[in-house]
Amino acid sequence: MPAVDAATKYELLSGTANTTHWSLTALCTGCSSWAAGAKSVNLDPSTAAASFAWATSGTPPSTPADAASRFGIHNAKGKWTHDLAGAKNANFDALVKAAYATKARL
């Protein structure tokens, strides 16, 4: 199991879903660097090919609200690269502020 980083904060700001699509806006603070064994890993926001991975399991975490909760073995997984440099937004801080304002009205 990966170690839990108490300094990391994940916050759901908004989301919608219908029968075919879902959308989620979340803010993850402290998620751009982490320890991977004996080395430190950092996301470089200027890279055009950052590696990411996903995994799913049919078994939910034993305690979903607890980041240290145990979870089942993944039955599907994959990797992709993402252009972080191309995804930068000059108005990031304003967009986060607006998302918080929307969250407060929900």
PDB file of N, CA and C in Angstrom:
ATOM      1  N   MET A   1       0.843  -1.190   0.000  1.00  0.00           N
ATOM      2  CA  MET A   1       0.000   0.000   0.000  1.00  0.00           C
ATOM      3  C   MET A   1       0.880   1.242   0.000  1.00  0.00           C
ATOM      4  N   PRO A   2       0.521   2.253  -0.804  1.00  0.00           N
ATOM      5  CA  PRO A   2       1.265   3.512  -0.749  1.00  0.00           C
ATOM      6  C   PRO A   2       1.071   4.190   0.602  1.00  0.00           C
ATOM      7  N   ALA A   3       2.069   4.938   1.025  1.00  0.00           N
ATOM      8  CA  ALA A   3       1.953   5.688   2.277  1.00  0.00           C
ATOM      9  C   ALA A   3       1.004   6.862   2.078  1.00  0.00           C
ATOM     10  N   VAL A   4       0.274   7.212   3.128  1.00  0.00           N
ATOM     11  CA  VAL A   4      -0.641   8.356   3.081  1.00  0.00           C
ATOM     12  C   VAL A   4       0.144   9.612   3.437  1.00  0.00           C
ATOM     13  N   ASP A   5      -0.019  10.656   2.639  1.00  0.00           N
ATOM     14  CA  ASP A   5       0.632  11.934   2.896  1.00  0.00           C
ATOM     15  C   ASP A   5      -0.399  12.862   3.542  1.00  0.00           C
ATOM     16  N   ALA A   6      -0.228  13.147   4.822  1.00  0.00           N
ATOM     17  CA  ALA A   6      -1.195  13.966   5.566  1.00  0.00           C
ATOM     18  C   ALA A   6      -1.261  15.402   5.050  1.00  0.00           C
ATOM     19  N   ALA A   7      -0.243  15.870   4.332  1.00  0.00           N
ATOM     20  CA  ALA A   7      -0.238  17.240   3.818  1.00  0.00           C
ATOM     21  C   ALA A   7      -1.074  17.388   2.546  1.00  0.00           C
ATOM     22  N   THR A   8      -1.473  16.277   1.936  1.00  0.00           N
ATOM     23  CA  THR A   8      -2.260  16.319   0.709  1.00  0.00           C
ATOM     24  C   THR A   8      -3.728  16.557   1.048  1.00  0.00           C
ATOM     25  N   LYS A   9      -4.353  17.454   0.299  1.00  0.00           N
ATOM     26  CA  LYS A   9      -5.770  17.776   0.519  1.00  0.00           C
ATOM     27  C   LYS A   9      -6.503  17.676  -0.816  1.00  0.00           C
ATOM     28  N   TYR A  10      -7.554  16.871  -0.864  1.00  0.00           N
ATOM     29  CA  TYR A  10      -8.362  16.684  -2.061  1.00  0.00           C
ATOM     30  C   TYR A  10      -9.755  17.198  -1.753  1.00  0.00           C
ATOM     31  N   GLU A  11     -10.236  18.098  -2.584  1.00  0.00           N
ATOM     32  CA  GLU A  11     -11.519  18.727  -2.310  1.00  0.00           C
ATOM     33  C   GLU A  11     -12.409  18.725  -3.543  1.00  0.00           C
ATOM     34  N   LEU A  12     -13.607  18.190  -3.420  1.00  0.00           N
ATOM     35  CA  LEU A  12     -14.592  18.202  -4.496  1.00  0.00           C
ATOM     36  C   LEU A  12     -15.239  19.583  -4.521  1.00  0.00           C
ATOM     37  N   LEU A  13     -15.175  20.253  -5.680  1.00  0.00           N
ATOM     38  CA  LEU A  13     -15.760  21.584  -5.808  1.00  0.00           C
ATOM     39  C   LEU A  13     -17.123  21.540  -6.473  1.00  0.00           C
ATOM     40  N   SER A  14     -17.284  20.691  -7.487  1.00  0.00           N
ATOM     41  CA  SER A  14     -18.590  20.543  -8.135  1.00  0.00           C
ATOM     42  C   SER A  14     -18.583  19.275  -8.965  1.00  0.00           C
ATOM     43  N   GLY A  15     -19.760  18.851  -9.365  1.00  0.00           N
ATOM     44  CA  GLY A  15     -19.863  17.676 -10.212  1.00  0.00           C
ATOM     45  C   GLY A  15     -21.273  17.502 -10.723  1.00  0.00           C
ATOM     46  N   THR A  16     -21.385  16.886 -11.886  1.00  0.00           N
ATOM     47  CA  THR A  16     -22.685  16.569 -12.466  1.00  0.00           C
ATOM     48  C   THR A  16     -22.601  15.190 -13.103  1.00  0.00           C
ATOM     49  N   ALA A  17     -23.752  14.559 -13.250  1.00  0.00           N
ATOM     50  CA  ALA A  17     -23.788  13.250 -13.904  1.00  0.00           C
ATOM     51  C   ALA A  17     -25.140  13.046 -14.555  1.00  0.00           C
ATOM     52  N   ASN A  18     -25.127  12.300 -15.661  1.00  0.00           N
ATOM     53  CA  ASN A  18     -26.369  11.846 -16.275  1.00  0.00           C
ATOM     54  C   ASN A  18     -26.155  10.398 -16.690  1.00  0.00           C
ATOM     55  N   THR A  19     -27.011   9.865 -17.521  1.00  0.00           N
ATOM     56  CA  THR A  19     -26.909   8.445 -17.858  1.00  0.00           C
ATOM     57  C   THR A  19     -25.715   8.109 -18.749  1.00  0.00           C
ATOM     58  N   THR A  20     -25.111   9.107 -19.396  1.00  0.00           N
ATOM     59  CA  THR A  20     -24.000   8.821 -20.302  1.00  0.00           C
ATOM     60  C   THR A  20     -22.696   9.530 -19.971  1.00  0.00           C
ATOM     61  N   HIS A  21     -22.730  10.595 -19.189  1.00  0.00           N
ATOM     62  CA  HIS A  21     -21.531  11.390 -18.931  1.00  0.00           C
ATOM     63  C   HIS A  21     -21.465  11.837 -17.480  1.00  0.00           C
ATOM     64  N   TRP A  22     -20.249  12.104 -17.032  1.00  0.00           N
ATOM     65  CA  TRP A  22     -20.092  12.733 -15.726  1.00  0.00           C
ATOM     66  C   TRP A  22     -18.988  13.764 -15.810  1.00  0.00           C
ATOM     67  N   SER A  23     -19.067  14.756 -14.939  1.00  0.00           N
ATOM     68  CA  SER A  23     -18.081  15.831 -14.877  1.00  0.00           C
ATOM     69  C   SER A  23     -17.740  16.079 -13.413  1.00  0.00           C
ATOM     70  N   LEU A  24     -16.481  16.308 -13.133  1.00  0.00           N
ATOM     71  CA  LEU A  24     -16.029  16.516 -11.763  1.00  0.00           C
ATOM     72  C   LEU A  24     -15.001  17.628 -11.758  1.00  0.00           C
ATOM     73  N   THR A  25     -15.169  18.581 -10.856  1.00  0.00           N
ATOM     74  CA  THR A  25     -14.161  19.614 -10.640  1.00  0.00           C
ATOM     75  C   THR A  25     -13.655  19.443  -9.229  1.00  0.00           C
ATOM     76  N   ALA A  26     -12.357  19.170  -9.104  1.00  0.00           N
ATOM     77  CA  ALA A  26     -11.752  18.950  -7.797  1.00  0.00           C
ATOM     78  C   ALA A  26     -10.440  19.714  -7.732  1.00  0.00           C
ATOM     79  N   LEU A  27     -10.028  20.031  -6.518  1.00  0.00           N
ATOM     80  CA  LEU A  27      -8.756  20.699  -6.296  1.00  0.00           C
ATOM     81  C   LEU A  27      -7.922  19.816  -5.386  1.00  0.00           C
ATOM     82  N   CYS A  28      -6.746  19.452  -5.855  1.00  0.00           N
ATOM     83  CA  CYS A  28      -5.837  18.626  -5.067  1.00  0.00           C
ATOM     84  C   CYS A  28      -4.615  19.474  -4.730  1.00  0.00           C
ATOM     85  N   THR A  29      -4.447  19.766  -3.455  1.00  0.00           N
ATOM     86  CA  THR A  29      -3.326  20.565  -2.977  1.00  0.00           C
ATOM     87  C   THR A  29      -2.268  19.624  -2.403  1.00  0.00           C
ATOM     88  N   GLY A  30      -1.039  19.792  -2.809  1.00  0.00           N
ATOM     89  CA  GLY A  30       0.036  18.918  -2.349  1.00  0.00           C
ATOM     90  C   GLY A  30       0.130  17.627  -3.141  1.00  0.00           C
ATOM     91  N   CYS A  31      -0.465  17.591  -4.318  1.00  0.00           N
ATOM     92  CA  CYS A  31      -0.508  16.365  -5.120  1.00  0.00           C
ATOM     93  C   CYS A  31       0.520  16.342  -6.243  1.00  0.00           C
ATOM     94  N   SER A  32       1.379  17.341  -6.312  1.00  0.00           N
ATOM     95  CA  SER A  32       2.316  17.396  -7.416  1.00  0.00           C
ATOM     96  C   SER A  32       3.678  16.792  -7.095  1.00  0.00           C
ATOM     97  N   SER A  33       3.869  16.306  -5.878  1.00  0.00           N
ATOM     98  CA  SER A  33       5.101  15.595  -5.550  1.00  0.00           C
ATOM     99  C   SER A  33       4.798  14.556  -4.485  1.00  0.00           C
ATOM    100  N   TRP A  34       5.560  13.471  -4.501  1.00  0.00           N
ATOM    101  CA  TRP A  34       5.339  12.393  -3.545  1.00  0.00           C
ATOM    102  C   TRP A  34       6.585  11.515  -3.493  1.00  0.00           C
ATOM    103  N   ALA A  35       6.652  10.717  -2.462  1.00  0.00           N
ATOM    104  CA  ALA A  35       7.773   9.784  -2.324  1.00  0.00           C
ATOM    105  C   ALA A  35       7.416   8.492  -3.033  1.00  0.00           C
ATOM    106  N   ALA A  36       8.348   7.976  -3.796  1.00  0.00           N
ATOM    107  CA  ALA A  36       8.178   6.705  -4.503  1.00  0.00           C
ATOM    108  C   ALA A  36       9.352   5.824  -4.113  1.00  0.00           C
ATOM    109  N   GLY A  37       9.181   5.092  -3.031  1.00  0.00           N
ATOM    110  CA  GLY A  37      10.294   4.301  -2.519  1.00  0.00           C
ATOM    111  C   GLY A  37      11.352   5.229  -1.963  1.00  0.00           C
ATOM    112  N   ALA A  38      12.570   5.100  -2.430  1.00  0.00           N
ATOM    113  CA  ALA A  38      13.674   5.914  -1.918  1.00  0.00           C
ATOM    114  C   ALA A  38      13.829   7.236  -2.661  1.00  0.00           C
ATOM    115  N   LYS A  39      13.020   7.473  -3.701  1.00  0.00           N
ATOM    116  CA  LYS A  39      13.192   8.715  -4.453  1.00  0.00           C
ATOM    117  C   LYS A  39      11.935   9.579  -4.388  1.00  0.00           C
ATOM    118  N   SER A  40      12.113  10.856  -4.659  1.00  0.00           N
ATOM    119  CA  SER A  40      11.011  11.800  -4.692  1.00  0.00           C
ATOM    120  C   SER A  40      10.593  12.001  -6.146  1.00  0.00           C
ATOM    121  N   VAL A  41       9.300  12.101  -6.385  1.00  0.00           N
ATOM    122  CA  VAL A  41       8.763  12.300  -7.732  1.00  0.00           C
ATOM    123  C   VAL A  41       8.009  13.624  -7.746  1.00  0.00           C
ATOM    124  N   ASN A  42       8.237  14.408  -8.787  1.00  0.00           N
ATOM    125  CA  ASN A  42       7.564  15.696  -8.927  1.00  0.00           C
ATOM    126  C   ASN A  42       6.948  15.813 -10.309  1.00  0.00           C
ATOM    127  N   LEU A  43       5.719  16.317 -10.369  1.00  0.00           N
ATOM    128  CA  LEU A  43       5.115  16.630 -11.661  1.00  0.00           C
ATOM    129  C   LEU A  43       5.727  17.929 -12.148  1.00  0.00           C
ATOM    130  N   ASP A  44       6.132  17.974 -13.388  1.00  0.00           N
ATOM    131  CA  ASP A  44       6.691  19.181 -13.984  1.00  0.00           C
ATOM    132  C   ASP A  44       5.601  19.822 -14.834  1.00  0.00           C
ATOM    133  N   PRO A  45       5.057  20.975 -14.408  1.00  0.00           N
ATOM    134  CA  PRO A  45       3.955  21.585 -15.156  1.00  0.00           C
ATOM    135  C   PRO A  45       4.349  22.107 -16.537  1.00  0.00           C
ATOM    136  N   SER A  46       5.627  22.084 -16.871  1.00  0.00           N
ATOM    137  CA  SER A  46       6.039  22.557 -18.189  1.00  0.00           C
ATOM    138  C   SER A  46       6.270  21.415 -19.176  1.00  0.00           C
ATOM    139  N   THR A  47       6.030  20.162 -18.758  1.00  0.00           N
ATOM    140  CA  THR A  47       6.271  19.031 -19.652  1.00  0.00           C
ATOM    141  C   THR A  47       5.092  18.818 -20.609  1.00  0.00           C
ATOM    142  N   ALA A  48       5.424  18.344 -21.794  1.00  0.00           N
ATOM    143  CA  ALA A  48       4.401  18.052 -22.801  1.00  0.00           C
ATOM    144  C   ALA A  48       4.000  16.581 -22.796  1.00  0.00           C
ATOM    145  N   ALA A  49       4.629  15.762 -21.942  1.00  0.00           N
ATOM    146  CA  ALA A  49       4.315  14.333 -21.916  1.00  0.00           C
ATOM    147  C   ALA A  49       4.481  13.763 -20.506  1.00  0.00           C
ATOM    148  N   ALA A  50       3.641  14.225 -19.577  1.00  0.00           N
ATOM    149  CA  ALA A  50       3.665  13.705 -18.211  1.00  0.00           C
ATOM    150  C   ALA A  50       2.931  12.362 -18.175  1.00  0.00           C
ATOM    151  N   SER A  51       3.505  11.379 -17.494  1.00  0.00           N
ATOM    152  CA  SER A  51       2.897  10.048 -17.411  1.00  0.00           C
ATOM    153  C   SER A  51       1.905   9.967 -16.262  1.00  0.00           C
ATOM    154  N   PHE A  52       0.738   9.408 -16.522  1.00  0.00           N
ATOM    155  CA  PHE A  52      -0.297   9.189 -15.518  1.00  0.00           C
ATOM    156  C   PHE A  52      -0.778   7.745 -15.624  1.00  0.00           C
ATOM    157  N   ALA A  53      -1.462   7.289 -14.592  1.00  0.00           N
ATOM    158  CA  ALA A  53      -2.013   5.936 -14.602  1.00  0.00           C
ATOM    159  C   ALA A  53      -3.379   5.938 -13.928  1.00  0.00           C
ATOM    160  N   TRP A  54      -4.177   4.948 -14.247  1.00  0.00           N
ATOM    161  CA  TRP A  54      -5.480   4.753 -13.609  1.00  0.00           C
ATOM    162  C   TRP A  54      -5.627   3.276 -13.273  1.00  0.00           C
ATOM    163  N   ALA A  55      -6.504   3.004 -12.328  1.00  0.00           N
ATOM    164  CA  ALA A  55      -6.808   1.616 -11.973  1.00  0.00           C
ATOM    165  C   ALA A  55      -8.190   1.561 -11.349  1.00  0.00           C
ATOM    166  N   THR A  56      -8.892   0.458 -11.546  1.00  0.00           N
ATOM    167  CA  THR A  56     -10.208   0.267 -10.939  1.00  0.00           C
ATOM    168  C   THR A  56     -10.265  -1.090 -10.253  1.00  0.00           C
ATOM    169  N   SER A  57     -11.192  -1.176  -9.320  1.00  0.00           N
ATOM    170  CA  SER A  57     -11.433  -2.429  -8.617  1.00  0.00           C
ATOM    171  C   SER A  57     -12.929  -2.571  -8.390  1.00  0.00           C
ATOM    172  N   GLY A  58     -13.415  -3.756  -8.459  1.00  0.00           N
ATOM    173  CA  GLY A  58     -14.825  -4.006  -8.168  1.00  0.00           C
ATOM    174  C   GLY A  58     -15.103  -3.998  -6.674  1.00  0.00           C
ATOM    175  N   THR A  59     -14.064  -3.969  -5.862  1.00  0.00           N
ATOM    176  CA  THR A  59     -14.215  -3.958  -4.408  1.00  0.00           C
ATOM    177  C   THR A  59     -13.937  -2.555  -3.890  1.00  0.00           C
ATOM    178  N   PRO A  60     -14.905  -1.917  -3.245  1.00  0.00           N
ATOM    179  CA  PRO A  60     -14.672  -0.553  -2.747  1.00  0.00           C
ATOM    180  C   PRO A  60     -13.707  -0.549  -1.558  1.00  0.00           C
ATOM    181  N   PRO A  61     -13.112   0.618  -1.251  1.00  0.00           N
ATOM    182  CA  PRO A  61     -12.275   0.722  -0.053  1.00  0.00           C
ATOM    183  C   PRO A  61     -13.082   0.347   1.185  1.00  0.00           C
ATOM    184  N   SER A  62     -12.414  -0.205   2.179  1.00  0.00           N
ATOM    185  CA  SER A  62     -13.137  -0.625   3.391  1.00  0.00           C
ATOM    186  C   SER A  62     -13.751   0.564   4.116  1.00  0.00           C
ATOM    187  N   THR A  63     -13.089   1.722   4.111  1.00  0.00           N
ATOM    188  CA  THR A  63     -13.605   2.946   4.719  1.00  0.00           C
ATOM    189  C   THR A  63     -13.320   4.089   3.747  1.00  0.00           C
ATOM    190  N   PRO A  64     -14.219   4.377   2.814  1.00  0.00           N
ATOM    191  CA  PRO A  64     -13.939   5.337   1.745  1.00  0.00           C
ATOM    192  C   PRO A  64     -13.493   6.725   2.215  1.00  0.00           C
ATOM    193  N   ALA A  65     -13.952   7.199   3.347  1.00  0.00           N
ATOM    194  CA  ALA A  65     -13.578   8.534   3.822  1.00  0.00           C
ATOM    195  C   ALA A  65     -12.170   8.583   4.407  1.00  0.00           C
ATOM    196  N   ASP A  66     -11.533   7.440   4.584  1.00  0.00           N
ATOM    197  CA  ASP A  66     -10.204   7.361   5.189  1.00  0.00           C
ATOM    198  C   ASP A  66      -9.167   7.077   4.109  1.00  0.00           C
ATOM    199  N   ALA A  67      -8.227   8.023   3.899  1.00  0.00           N
ATOM    200  CA  ALA A  67      -7.208   7.858   2.859  1.00  0.00           C
ATOM    201  C   ALA A  67      -6.322   6.636   3.104  1.00  0.00           C
ATOM    202  N   ALA A  68      -6.248   6.163   4.347  1.00  0.00           N
ATOM    203  CA  ALA A  68      -5.422   4.996   4.661  1.00  0.00           C
ATOM    204  C   ALA A  68      -6.208   3.688   4.565  1.00  0.00           C
ATOM    205  N   SER A  69      -7.453   3.763   4.110  1.00  0.00           N
ATOM    206  CA  SER A  69      -8.312   2.593   3.997  1.00  0.00           C
ATOM    207  C   SER A  69      -7.729   1.564   3.029  1.00  0.00           C
ATOM    208  N   ARG A  70      -7.849   0.306   3.331  1.00  0.00           N
ATOM    209  CA  ARG A  70      -7.408  -0.765   2.432  1.00  0.00           C
ATOM    210  C   ARG A  70      -8.379  -0.860   1.259  1.00  0.00           C
ATOM    211  N   PHE A  71      -7.869  -1.307   0.122  1.00  0.00           N
ATOM    212  CA  PHE A  71      -8.727  -1.480  -1.047  1.00  0.00           C
ATOM    213  C   PHE A  71      -8.346  -2.759  -1.771  1.00  0.00           C
ATOM    214  N   GLY A  72      -9.265  -3.236  -2.608  1.00  0.00           N
ATOM    215  CA  GLY A  72      -9.073  -4.502  -3.297  1.00  0.00           C
ATOM    216  C   GLY A  72      -8.052  -4.427  -4.418  1.00  0.00           C
ATOM    217  N   ILE A  73      -7.643  -5.576  -4.900  1.00  0.00           N
ATOM    218  CA  ILE A  73      -6.716  -5.663  -6.026  1.00  0.00           C
ATOM    219  C   ILE A  73      -7.405  -5.097  -7.262  1.00  0.00           C
ATOM    220  N   HIS A  74      -6.674  -4.368  -8.064  1.00  0.00           N
ATOM    221  CA  HIS A  74      -7.240  -3.762  -9.266  1.00  0.00           C
ATOM    222  C   HIS A  74      -7.525  -4.822 -10.327  1.00  0.00           C
ATOM    223  N   ASN A  75      -8.680  -4.697 -10.958  1.00  0.00           N
ATOM    224  CA  ASN A  75      -9.021  -5.641 -12.022  1.00  0.00           C
ATOM    225  C   ASN A  75      -8.860  -5.021 -13.403  1.00  0.00           C
ATOM    226  N   ALA A  76      -8.555  -3.737 -13.456  1.00  0.00           N
ATOM    227  CA  ALA A  76      -8.260  -3.071 -14.728  1.00  0.00           C
ATOM    228  C   ALA A  76      -7.300  -1.922 -14.443  1.00  0.00           C
ATOM    229  N   LYS A  77      -6.411  -1.637 -15.373  1.00  0.00           N
ATOM    230  CA  LYS A  77      -5.451  -0.549 -15.184  1.00  0.00           C
ATOM    231  C   LYS A  77      -4.946  -0.081 -16.539  1.00  0.00           C
ATOM    232  N   GLY A  78      -4.378   1.109 -16.552  1.00  0.00           N
ATOM    233  CA  GLY A  78      -3.831   1.646 -17.783  1.00  0.00           C
ATOM    234  C   GLY A  78      -2.970   2.866 -17.526  1.00  0.00           C
ATOM    235  N   LYS A  79      -2.314   3.344 -18.590  1.00  0.00           N
ATOM    236  CA  LYS A  79      -1.455   4.521 -18.510  1.00  0.00           C
ATOM    237  C   LYS A  79      -1.750   5.434 -19.678  1.00  0.00           C
ATOM    238  N   TRP A  80      -1.451   6.717 -19.499  1.00  0.00           N
ATOM    239  CA  TRP A  80      -1.524   7.674 -20.585  1.00  0.00           C
ATOM    240  C   TRP A  80      -0.558   8.814 -20.300  1.00  0.00           C
ATOM    241  N   THR A  81      -0.274   9.632 -21.307  1.00  0.00           N
ATOM    242  CA  THR A  81       0.508  10.839 -21.102  1.00  0.00           C
ATOM    243  C   THR A  81      -0.386  12.039 -21.346  1.00  0.00           C
ATOM    244  N   HIS A  82      -0.062  13.126 -20.663  1.00  0.00           N
ATOM    245  CA  HIS A  82      -0.868  14.340 -20.758  1.00  0.00           C
ATOM    246  C   HIS A  82       0.058  15.535 -20.957  1.00  0.00           C
ATOM    247  N   ASP A  83      -0.321  16.455 -21.809  1.00  0.00           N
ATOM    248  CA  ASP A  83       0.446  17.666 -22.067  1.00  0.00           C
ATOM    249  C   ASP A  83       0.102  18.696 -20.991  1.00  0.00           C
ATOM    250  N   LEU A  84       0.889  18.730 -19.912  1.00  0.00           N
ATOM    251  CA  LEU A  84       0.624  19.673 -18.826  1.00  0.00           C
ATOM    252  C   LEU A  84       0.896  21.109 -19.262  1.00  0.00           C
ATOM    253  N   ALA A  85       1.915  21.313 -20.084  1.00  0.00           N
ATOM    254  CA  ALA A  85       2.219  22.672 -20.555  1.00  0.00           C
ATOM    255  C   ALA A  85       1.036  23.238 -21.346  1.00  0.00           C
ATOM    256  N   GLY A  86       0.439  22.425 -22.193  1.00  0.00           N
ATOM    257  CA  GLY A  86      -0.709  22.854 -22.985  1.00  0.00           C
ATOM    258  C   GLY A  86      -1.977  23.030 -22.162  1.00  0.00           C
ATOM    259  N   ALA A  87      -2.003  22.436 -20.981  1.00  0.00           N
ATOM    260  CA  ALA A  87      -3.194  22.509 -20.133  1.00  0.00           C
ATOM    261  C   ALA A  87      -3.145  23.667 -19.137  1.00  0.00           C
ATOM    262  N   LYS A  88      -2.031  24.394 -19.098  1.00  0.00           N
ATOM    263  CA  LYS A  88      -1.918  25.520 -18.164  1.00  0.00           C
ATOM    264  C   LYS A  88      -2.987  26.557 -18.461  1.00  0.00           C
ATOM    265  N   ASN A  89      -3.468  27.191 -17.389  1.00  0.00           N
ATOM    266  CA  ASN A  89      -4.480  28.228 -17.528  1.00  0.00           C
ATOM    267  C   ASN A  89      -3.998  29.462 -16.783  1.00  0.00           C
ATOM    268  N   ALA A  90      -3.849  30.569 -17.490  1.00  0.00           N
ATOM    269  CA  ALA A  90      -3.364  31.809 -16.882  1.00  0.00           C
ATOM    270  C   ALA A  90      -4.317  32.322 -15.808  1.00  0.00           C
ATOM    271  N   ASN A  91      -5.602  31.956 -15.883  1.00  0.00           N
ATOM    272  CA  ASN A  91      -6.602  32.406 -14.910  1.00  0.00           C
ATOM    273  C   ASN A  91      -6.886  31.355 -13.843  1.00  0.00           C
ATOM    274  N   PHE A  92      -5.940  30.459 -13.571  1.00  0.00           N
ATOM    275  CA  PHE A  92      -6.169  29.357 -12.642  1.00  0.00           C
ATOM    276  C   PHE A  92      -6.699  29.833 -11.292  1.00  0.00           C
ATOM    277  N   ASP A  93      -6.038  30.811 -10.673  1.00  0.00           N
ATOM    278  CA  ASP A  93      -6.460  31.270  -9.343  1.00  0.00           C
ATOM    279  C   ASP A  93      -7.882  31.833  -9.372  1.00  0.00           C
ATOM    280  N   ALA A  94      -8.233  32.574 -10.418  1.00  0.00           N
ATOM    281  CA  ALA A  94      -9.584  33.121 -10.532  1.00  0.00           C
ATOM    282  C   ALA A  94     -10.613  32.011 -10.722  1.00  0.00           C
ATOM    283  N   LEU A  95     -10.262  30.980 -11.492  1.00  0.00           N
ATOM    284  CA  LEU A  95     -11.182  29.861 -11.697  1.00  0.00           C
ATOM    285  C   LEU A  95     -11.420  29.084 -10.402  1.00  0.00           C
ATOM    286  N   VAL A  96     -10.375  28.887  -9.611  1.00  0.00           N
ATOM    287  CA  VAL A  96     -10.531  28.202  -8.323  1.00  0.00           C
ATOM    288  C   VAL A  96     -11.413  29.033  -7.400  1.00  0.00           C
ATOM    289  N   LYS A  97     -11.195  30.334  -7.367  1.00  0.00           N
ATOM    290  CA  LYS A  97     -12.017  31.218  -6.530  1.00  0.00           C
ATOM    291  C   LYS A  97     -13.488  31.140  -6.952  1.00  0.00           C
ATOM    292  N   ALA A  98     -13.743  31.144  -8.256  1.00  0.00           N
ATOM    293  CA  ALA A  98     -15.115  31.047  -8.760  1.00  0.00           C
ATOM    294  C   ALA A  98     -15.727  29.688  -8.422  1.00  0.00           C
ATOM    295  N   ALA A  99     -14.926  28.621  -8.485  1.00  0.00           N
ATOM    296  CA  ALA A  99     -15.434  27.288  -8.143  1.00  0.00           C
ATOM    297  C   ALA A  99     -15.815  27.223  -6.664  1.00  0.00           C
ATOM    298  N   TYR A 100     -15.016  27.839  -5.800  1.00  0.00           N
ATOM    299  CA  TYR A 100     -15.366  27.892  -4.384  1.00  0.00           C
ATOM    300  C   TYR A 100     -16.651  28.674  -4.167  1.00  0.00           C
ATOM    301  N   ALA A 101     -16.838  29.762  -4.900  1.00  0.00           N
ATOM    302  CA  ALA A 101     -18.063  30.564  -4.779  1.00  0.00           C
ATOM    303  C   ALA A 101     -19.274  29.742  -5.191  1.00  0.00           C
ATOM    304  N   THR A 102     -19.141  28.952  -6.259  1.00  0.00           N
ATOM    305  CA  THR A 102     -20.223  28.079  -6.712  1.00  0.00           C
ATOM    306  C   THR A 102     -20.489  27.002  -5.661  1.00  0.00           C
ATOM    307  N   LYS A 103     -19.447  26.435  -5.098  1.00  0.00           N
ATOM    308  CA  LYS A 103     -19.598  25.398  -4.073  1.00  0.00           C
ATOM    309  C   LYS A 103     -20.362  25.946  -2.874  1.00  0.00           C
ATOM    310  N   ALA A 104     -20.091  27.182  -2.470  1.00  0.00           N
ATOM    311  CA  ALA A 104     -20.747  27.778  -1.316  1.00  0.00           C
ATOM    312  C   ALA A 104     -22.255  27.932  -1.552  1.00  0.00           C
ATOM    313  N   ARG A 105     -22.666  28.067  -2.831  1.00  0.00           N
ATOM    314  CA  ARG A 105     -24.095  28.235  -3.140  1.00  0.00           C
ATOM    315  C   ARG A 105     -24.833  26.922  -3.247  1.00  0.00           C
ATOM    316  N   LEU A 106     -24.101  25.802  -3.374  1.00  0.00           N
ATOM    317  CA  LEU A 106     -24.755  24.495  -3.550  1.00  0.00           C
ATOM    318  C   LEU A 106     -25.441  24.021  -2.298  1.00  0.00           C
TER     319      LEU A 106
END
